[in-house]
Amino acid sequence: MIRFKPGVPRWVPPKFLSRVPTLAVPAAWGAVAVAYRMTCPLAHDDALGARLVSSAVMCAVVTGLVLHVRRRLQRELRRARRIADAAQSVLLPPPPPRVDGLAVAAVHLSADRGARIGGDLYEVVATEHGVRAVIGDVRGHGLGAVRTVAAVLGSFREAAHDEAELAGVLRRLERAMARHLRERAHGEPDPAGAASDGPAGEEFVTVLLLEILPDGEVWALNCGHPWPHVLTGARAEPLARADPLPPLGPFPLPADLATVPCGRLLPGDALVLHTDGVEEARDAEGRFFPLRDVLTEAAREHPLTPQSVRRTVLAALLRHTTGPPKDDVALLVLRNERPSRRARPGARGTARPAAVDLHPTDHLQFPA
């Protein structure tokens, strides 16, 4: 039901009423220009001095209009940034500094100029099953990938608490991604008005799931995502070298999802999760970013904190690319600050696999 203000004719559209304050200033400047042209004798005088006065008046009118439009655009830009900040705080909020004894730091850079969120995602939560973390990378970047990020993160935030096994969490993410692709295939409009980077059949997301138990034992499921690095001592080593599963979206996952044992994250060690926008960043000569070397440098810092690792990697990355990244970038750093405790054999209630050499370092302990 449309309500009209008292004294306002019913034929006046309500939308027009909301624009009256916006049109007032341009209308006033236009009235000044018309009044000068119609009533001032100088406007009709061909003398040089009169022409100079008329030109000055017109310049003042045009300047006033330009300044008004500029202020209007600045207000709209500030409003858009506030909306983007609110959306980011809901969709991809900064993680808490500590999660169940793990110190946490994260950073996200969007490849789209002016965008605060894009196609990378991360989250870390404490559950009754252990600390669970996810990092992922949607095909494409910028606003066109935001809906996929929302679908995956929303599913993870529920499944991480509901599912007793990490494989159950991944199954939930797969179903959420399938629902999202069906909605896109049926042509449902994007509420944000953002265009996607391709048809629904070509969309996918790489995902890495980690579970860190109270004794530091780490388990993982990897769907086409880069393996993280573990910072131990003064070295940076890949967490695992197992072949990943296919990304979520184009192909169904296998019926048997075998969780990969990744040893133990000992007190003082740190895990660095990242998207491929980090290791695939290139400099002006086409050279890839030396992520492992930079992480080794970060591991030698004292004290080693997630914030120091984030700061070192981000500064080196921006120096390497000499400007904003060409792809979305996400980093999630987890450092074990729990007191030392002995491992509990068979903590997951299943038969432990034989020793797996996942780390060429003696600082991590592996299942026996």
Protein backbone atom coordinates (compact mmCIF):
# COMPACT_ATOMS: atom_id res chain seq x y z
CA MET A 1 0.00 0.00 0.00
CA ILE A 2 1.41 3.38 -1.05
CA ARG A 3 1.07 6.17 1.49
CA PHE A 4 1.11 9.79 0.37
CA LYS A 5 2.21 12.71 2.48
CA PRO A 6 -0.46 15.24 3.47
CA GLY A 7 -0.68 18.09 0.99
CA VAL A 8 1.13 16.16 -1.78
CA PRO A 9 -0.91 15.47 -4.94
CA ARG A 10 -1.60 11.79 -5.53
CA TRP A 11 -0.21 11.98 -9.05
CA VAL A 12 3.31 12.67 -7.71
CA PRO A 13 5.30 9.37 -7.74
CA PRO A 14 6.80 8.48 -4.33
CA LYS A 15 10.15 7.76 -5.98
CA PHE A 16 10.23 11.33 -7.23
CA LEU A 17 9.76 12.64 -3.69
CA SER A 18 12.89 10.80 -2.55
CA ARG A 19 14.89 12.51 -5.31
CA VAL A 20 13.77 16.05 -4.52
CA PRO A 21 16.69 16.78 -2.11
CA THR A 22 19.13 15.45 -4.70
CA LEU A 23 17.69 17.61 -7.48
CA ALA A 24 17.44 20.76 -5.38
CA VAL A 25 21.06 21.91 -5.77
CA PRO A 26 21.32 21.33 -9.57
CA ALA A 27 17.95 23.03 -9.99
CA ALA A 28 19.14 26.04 -7.97
CA TRP A 29 22.29 26.41 -10.05
CA GLY A 30 20.25 26.05 -13.23
CA ALA A 31 17.84 28.73 -12.02
CA VAL A 32 20.78 31.07 -11.41
CA ALA A 33 22.05 30.53 -14.93
CA VAL A 34 18.61 31.06 -16.49
CA ALA A 35 17.87 34.14 -14.37
CA TYR A 36 21.17 35.71 -15.33
CA ARG A 37 20.60 34.99 -18.99
CA MET A 38 17.02 36.32 -19.00
CA THR A 39 17.23 39.34 -16.70
CA CYS A 40 20.79 40.64 -16.58
CA PRO A 41 21.63 43.24 -19.25
CA LEU A 42 25.25 42.10 -19.31
CA ALA A 43 24.15 38.75 -20.75
CA HIS A 44 22.97 40.55 -23.92
CA ASP A 45 25.87 42.99 -24.18
CA ASP A 46 28.50 42.23 -26.84
CA ALA A 47 31.22 44.27 -25.17
CA LEU A 48 34.35 42.45 -24.14
CA GLY A 49 33.91 43.24 -20.44
CA ALA A 50 30.30 42.01 -20.47
CA ARG A 51 31.34 38.80 -22.18
CA LEU A 52 34.02 38.21 -19.55
CA VAL A 53 31.46 38.70 -16.79
CA SER A 54 29.03 36.30 -18.48
CA SER A 55 31.78 33.70 -18.89
CA ALA A 56 32.71 34.02 -15.22
CA VAL A 57 29.07 33.52 -14.20
CA MET A 58 28.74 30.41 -16.39
CA CYS A 59 32.02 29.02 -15.05
CA ALA A 60 30.77 29.52 -11.50
CA VAL A 61 27.54 27.69 -12.32
CA VAL A 62 29.36 24.79 -13.97
CA THR A 63 31.86 24.61 -11.09
CA GLY A 64 29.03 24.48 -8.58
CA LEU A 65 27.37 21.65 -10.49
CA VAL A 66 30.63 19.69 -10.76
CA LEU A 67 31.37 20.09 -7.04
CA HIS A 68 27.85 18.94 -6.19
CA VAL A 69 28.16 15.85 -8.39
CA ARG A 70 31.60 15.12 -6.91
CA ARG A 71 30.31 15.30 -3.34
CA ARG A 72 27.37 13.12 -4.32
CA LEU A 73 29.66 10.47 -5.83
CA GLN A 74 31.92 10.53 -2.78
CA ARG A 75 28.93 9.92 -0.50
CA GLU A 76 27.81 7.01 -2.69
CA LEU A 77 31.35 5.57 -2.66
CA ARG A 78 31.55 5.78 1.13
CA ARG A 79 28.13 4.13 1.38
CA ALA A 80 29.19 1.34 -0.99
CA ARG A 81 32.34 0.74 1.05
CA ARG A 82 30.33 0.53 4.27
CA ILE A 83 28.04 -2.02 2.64
CA ALA A 84 31.04 -4.01 1.36
CA ASP A 85 32.63 -3.98 4.82
CA ALA A 86 29.38 -5.21 6.37
CA ALA A 87 29.10 -7.98 3.76
CA GLN A 88 32.69 -9.05 4.36
CA SER A 89 32.21 -9.09 8.13
CA VAL A 90 29.34 -11.55 7.64
CA LEU A 91 30.67 -13.68 4.79
CA LEU A 92 34.41 -13.71 5.56
CA PRO A 93 34.98 -12.26 9.03
CA PRO A 94 38.48 -12.11 10.50
CA PRO A 95 39.08 -15.21 12.61
CA PRO A 96 39.48 -14.89 16.37
CA PRO A 97 43.11 -14.51 17.53
CA ARG A 98 42.95 -17.86 19.40
CA VAL A 99 40.91 -21.00 18.72
CA ASP A 100 41.22 -23.76 21.34
CA GLY A 101 44.90 -23.16 22.02
CA LEU A 102 45.84 -22.31 18.43
CA ALA A 103 46.94 -18.77 17.59
CA VAL A 104 45.33 -17.64 14.32
CA ALA A 105 45.95 -14.94 11.70
CA ALA A 106 44.49 -14.56 8.22
CA VAL A 107 44.46 -12.17 5.27
CA HIS A 108 42.47 -11.93 2.05
CA LEU A 109 43.23 -9.78 -1.00
CA SER A 110 40.76 -9.48 -3.86
CA ALA A 111 42.03 -9.24 -7.42
CA ASP A 112 39.12 -6.99 -8.39
CA ARG A 113 40.02 -3.35 -7.86
CA GLY A 114 37.63 -1.85 -5.33
CA ALA A 115 36.25 -5.20 -4.15
CA ARG A 116 36.78 -6.34 -0.57
CA ILE A 117 35.68 -9.95 -1.06
CA GLY A 118 36.27 -12.39 -3.87
CA GLY A 119 36.66 -16.05 -4.73
CA ASP A 120 38.86 -17.25 -1.86
CA LEU A 121 37.49 -18.54 1.44
CA TYR A 122 38.73 -19.69 4.83
CA GLU A 123 37.36 -20.49 8.26
CA VAL A 124 38.57 -22.10 11.48
CA VAL A 125 36.27 -23.27 14.28
CA ALA A 126 36.62 -25.17 17.53
CA THR A 127 34.28 -28.17 17.75
CA GLU A 128 33.81 -31.16 20.02
CA HIS A 129 35.61 -33.17 17.33
CA GLY A 130 38.70 -30.93 17.34
CA VAL A 131 39.68 -27.71 15.63
CA ARG A 132 38.52 -27.78 12.04
CA ALA A 133 39.73 -25.44 9.31
CA VAL A 134 38.85 -24.96 5.67
CA ILE A 135 40.48 -22.98 2.89
CA GLY A 136 39.23 -22.90 -0.66
CA ASP A 137 39.49 -21.21 -4.03
CA VAL A 138 36.54 -20.71 -6.36
CA ARG A 139 37.13 -20.69 -10.11
CA GLY A 140 37.41 -17.07 -11.13
CA HIS A 141 37.66 -14.17 -8.73
CA GLY A 142 35.94 -11.05 -7.53
CA LEU A 143 32.22 -10.49 -7.05
CA GLY A 144 31.22 -13.18 -9.55
CA ALA A 145 32.48 -15.88 -7.16
CA VAL A 146 30.92 -14.52 -3.97
CA ARG A 147 27.77 -16.68 -4.15
CA THR A 148 29.85 -19.86 -4.39
CA VAL A 149 31.95 -18.73 -1.41
CA ALA A 150 28.75 -18.14 0.59
CA ALA A 151 27.38 -21.60 -0.30
CA VAL A 152 30.57 -23.44 0.70
CA LEU A 153 31.26 -21.46 3.88
CA GLY A 154 27.66 -21.68 5.06
CA SER A 155 27.71 -25.44 4.70
CA PHE A 156 31.08 -25.79 6.45
CA ARG A 157 30.04 -23.71 9.46
CA GLU A 158 27.19 -26.11 10.14
CA ALA A 159 28.80 -29.39 9.11
CA ALA A 160 31.98 -28.77 11.12
CA HIS A 161 29.93 -29.05 14.32
CA ASP A 162 27.42 -31.68 13.17
CA GLU A 163 29.65 -34.30 11.53
CA ALA A 164 31.78 -36.59 13.69
CA GLU A 165 34.12 -37.48 10.80
CA LEU A 166 35.96 -35.12 8.48
CA ALA A 167 34.66 -37.13 5.51
CA GLY A 168 31.11 -36.24 6.57
CA VAL A 169 32.00 -32.55 6.46
CA LEU A 170 33.32 -32.92 2.91
CA ARG A 171 30.16 -34.75 1.83
CA ARG A 172 28.09 -31.84 3.12
CA LEU A 173 30.23 -29.37 1.17
CA GLU A 174 29.79 -31.48 -1.96
CA ARG A 175 26.00 -31.44 -1.59
CA ALA A 176 25.98 -27.68 -0.95
CA MET A 177 28.05 -27.11 -4.08
CA ALA A 178 25.72 -29.34 -6.12
CA ARG A 179 22.68 -27.35 -4.93
CA HIS A 180 24.41 -24.11 -5.83
CA LEU A 181 25.23 -25.33 -9.34
CA ARG A 182 21.63 -26.48 -9.87
CA GLU A 183 20.37 -23.04 -8.88
CA ARG A 184 22.76 -21.41 -11.32
CA ALA A 185 21.79 -23.82 -14.09
CA HIS A 186 18.11 -22.92 -13.57
CA GLY A 187 18.98 -19.29 -14.10
CA GLU A 188 18.20 -17.91 -10.66
CA PRO A 189 19.35 -14.27 -10.57
CA ASP A 190 22.24 -13.13 -8.44
CA PRO A 191 20.92 -10.86 -5.67
CA ALA A 192 24.13 -8.83 -5.83
CA GLY A 193 23.84 -8.39 -9.58
CA ALA A 194 27.34 -9.78 -10.10
CA ALA A 195 28.13 -11.74 -13.22
CA SER A 196 29.81 -15.11 -12.90
CA ASP A 197 32.96 -15.98 -14.78
CA GLY A 198 31.43 -18.83 -16.75
CA PRO A 199 28.55 -21.28 -17.10
CA ALA A 200 27.51 -23.41 -14.16
CA GLY A 201 28.99 -26.56 -15.71
CA GLU A 202 32.47 -25.02 -15.62
CA GLU A 203 32.36 -23.78 -12.03
CA PHE A 204 34.34 -25.57 -9.35
CA VAL A 205 36.01 -24.91 -6.03
CA THR A 206 39.18 -26.40 -4.57
CA VAL A 207 38.90 -27.17 -0.88
CA LEU A 208 41.30 -28.26 1.87
CA LEU A 209 39.85 -29.52 5.15
CA LEU A 210 42.01 -29.92 8.25
CA GLU A 211 41.25 -31.39 11.65
CA ILE A 212 43.64 -30.75 14.55
CA LEU A 213 43.03 -32.90 17.61
CA PRO A 214 43.88 -31.84 21.19
CA ASP A 215 47.19 -33.75 21.08
CA GLY A 216 48.22 -31.95 17.87
CA GLU A 217 47.42 -34.83 15.53
CA VAL A 218 46.48 -33.49 12.08
CA TRP A 219 44.16 -35.11 9.54
CA ALA A 220 43.30 -33.73 6.12
CA LEU A 221 41.06 -34.07 3.09
CA ASN A 222 42.23 -32.24 -0.01
CA CYS A 223 40.09 -31.56 -3.09
CA GLY A 224 42.51 -30.13 -5.63
CA HIS A 225 43.94 -27.47 -3.32
CA PRO A 226 47.62 -26.66 -2.67
CA TRP A 227 48.95 -28.47 0.39
CA PRO A 228 49.84 -26.15 3.28
CA HIS A 229 53.32 -25.78 4.77
CA VAL A 230 54.37 -26.52 8.31
CA LEU A 231 56.91 -24.19 9.92
CA THR A 232 59.03 -26.17 12.35
CA GLY A 233 62.35 -25.08 13.75
CA ALA A 234 63.83 -22.91 11.01
CA ARG A 235 62.35 -24.85 8.11
CA ALA A 236 59.20 -24.81 5.99
CA GLU A 237 58.05 -28.18 4.65
CA PRO A 238 54.89 -29.32 2.83
CA LEU A 239 52.38 -30.83 5.22
CA ALA A 240 51.75 -33.80 2.91
CA ARG A 241 52.46 -35.04 -0.60
CA ALA A 242 49.43 -37.29 -1.11
CA ASP A 243 47.50 -36.98 -4.37
CA PRO A 244 44.45 -34.74 -3.87
CA LEU A 245 40.85 -35.57 -4.68
CA PRO A 246 39.12 -33.74 -7.57
CA PRO A 247 37.75 -30.25 -6.90
CA LEU A 248 34.11 -29.90 -5.88
CA GLY A 249 31.75 -29.26 -8.75
CA PRO A 250 32.59 -30.96 -12.05
CA PHE A 251 33.05 -34.55 -10.81
CA PRO A 252 31.54 -36.57 -7.95
CA LEU A 253 33.80 -37.56 -5.10
CA PRO A 254 34.75 -41.23 -4.73
CA ALA A 255 32.61 -43.41 -2.50
CA ASP A 256 35.49 -44.00 -0.06
CA LEU A 257 36.99 -40.82 1.34
CA ALA A 258 40.24 -41.77 3.08
CA THR A 259 41.34 -39.07 5.50
CA VAL A 260 45.09 -38.40 5.18
CA PRO A 261 47.13 -38.59 8.41
CA CYS A 262 49.57 -35.68 8.55
CA GLY A 263 51.50 -36.33 11.74
CA ARG A 264 51.40 -34.01 14.74
CA LEU A 265 51.61 -30.26 15.01
CA LEU A 266 53.89 -29.88 18.02
CA PRO A 267 53.79 -26.87 20.36
CA GLY A 268 55.52 -23.96 18.65
CA ASP A 269 54.96 -25.28 15.12
CA ALA A 270 52.77 -23.39 12.66
CA LEU A 271 50.66 -24.33 9.66
CA VAL A 272 50.37 -21.92 6.70
CA LEU A 273 47.33 -22.53 4.51
CA HIS A 274 47.14 -20.60 1.25
CA THR A 275 45.40 -20.39 -2.10
CA ASP A 276 47.12 -20.74 -5.46
CA GLY A 277 47.01 -16.98 -5.94
CA VAL A 278 50.06 -16.88 -3.63
CA GLU A 279 52.36 -19.44 -5.21
CA GLU A 280 51.30 -18.56 -8.78
CA ALA A 281 51.90 -14.81 -8.41
CA ARG A 282 54.49 -13.59 -10.94
CA ASP A 283 56.84 -10.67 -11.11
CA ALA A 284 57.48 -8.45 -14.13
CA GLU A 285 59.76 -11.12 -15.65
CA GLY A 286 57.23 -13.92 -15.25
CA ARG A 287 58.90 -15.65 -12.29
CA PHE A 288 56.67 -17.35 -9.72
CA PHE A 289 56.59 -16.20 -6.13
CA PRO A 290 59.12 -18.24 -4.06
CA LEU A 291 56.65 -19.13 -1.32
CA ARG A 292 58.72 -21.85 0.35
CA ASP A 293 61.80 -19.61 0.58
CA VAL A 294 59.73 -16.79 2.09
CA LEU A 295 58.16 -19.19 4.60
CA THR A 296 61.61 -20.45 5.56
CA GLU A 297 62.61 -16.86 6.22
CA ALA A 298 59.47 -16.39 8.29
CA ALA A 299 60.19 -19.54 10.30
CA ARG A 300 63.50 -18.05 11.46
CA GLU A 301 61.84 -15.04 13.05
CA HIS A 302 61.73 -14.85 16.83
CA PRO A 303 59.23 -14.83 18.25
CA LEU A 304 57.35 -16.80 15.61
CA THR A 305 53.70 -15.70 15.59
CA PRO A 306 50.92 -16.03 13.02
CA GLN A 307 50.93 -12.25 12.66
CA SER A 308 54.66 -12.18 11.88
CA VAL A 309 54.26 -14.95 9.27
CA ARG A 310 51.35 -13.14 7.66
CA ARG A 311 53.26 -9.86 7.62
CA THR A 312 56.40 -11.42 6.10
CA VAL A 313 54.56 -13.29 3.34
CA LEU A 314 52.30 -10.39 2.45
CA ALA A 315 55.15 -7.87 2.26
CA ALA A 316 57.25 -10.21 0.11
CA LEU A 317 54.29 -10.94 -2.17
CA LEU A 318 53.52 -7.27 -2.80
CA ARG A 319 57.21 -6.59 -3.51
CA HIS A 320 57.31 -9.53 -5.92
CA THR A 321 54.22 -8.48 -7.91
CA THR A 322 55.00 -4.73 -7.66
CA GLY A 323 51.32 -4.01 -7.17
CA PRO A 324 47.96 -5.63 -6.48
CA PRO A 325 47.75 -9.39 -7.20
CA LYS A 326 46.29 -10.64 -10.47
CA ASP A 327 44.35 -13.37 -8.62
CA ASP A 328 42.62 -13.51 -5.26
CA VAL A 329 44.99 -14.27 -2.39
CA ALA A 330 44.19 -15.86 0.96
CA LEU A 331 46.45 -16.90 3.84
CA LEU A 332 45.46 -18.68 7.05
CA VAL A 333 48.17 -19.26 9.69
CA LEU A 334 47.65 -21.57 12.69
CA ARG A 335 50.28 -21.91 15.42
CA ASN A 336 50.09 -24.51 18.16
CA GLU A 337 50.39 -22.75 21.52
CA ARG A 338 48.98 -25.58 23.59
CA PRO A 339 51.03 -27.10 26.40
CA SER A 340 52.93 -30.22 25.40
CA ARG A 341 51.01 -33.46 25.87
CA ARG A 342 51.50 -37.05 24.80
CA ALA A 343 49.69 -38.43 21.78
CA ARG A 344 46.73 -40.68 22.40
CA PRO A 345 47.04 -43.83 20.26
CA GLY A 346 43.96 -44.53 18.19
CA ALA A 347 42.41 -41.18 19.09
CA ARG A 348 39.89 -41.37 16.26
CA GLY A 349 38.64 -44.79 17.29
CA THR A 350 39.80 -46.48 14.12
CA ALA A 351 42.78 -48.61 13.16
CA ARG A 352 45.84 -46.45 12.70
CA PRO A 353 47.59 -46.77 9.33
CA ALA A 354 51.20 -47.79 8.97
CA ALA A 355 53.90 -45.16 9.13
CA VAL A 356 53.59 -42.64 6.32
CA ASP A 357 56.56 -40.43 5.48
CA LEU A 358 54.77 -37.17 4.87
CA HIS A 359 57.44 -34.82 6.25
CA PRO A 360 61.19 -34.97 5.64
CA THR A 361 61.81 -33.66 9.16
CA ASP A 362 62.33 -35.24 12.54
CA HIS A 363 60.47 -32.51 14.37
CA LEU A 364 57.07 -34.01 13.54
CA GLN A 365 55.86 -37.34 14.87
CA PHE A 366 54.02 -39.70 12.61
CA PRO A 367 51.42 -42.38 13.27
CA ALA A 368 52.87 -45.78 13.96
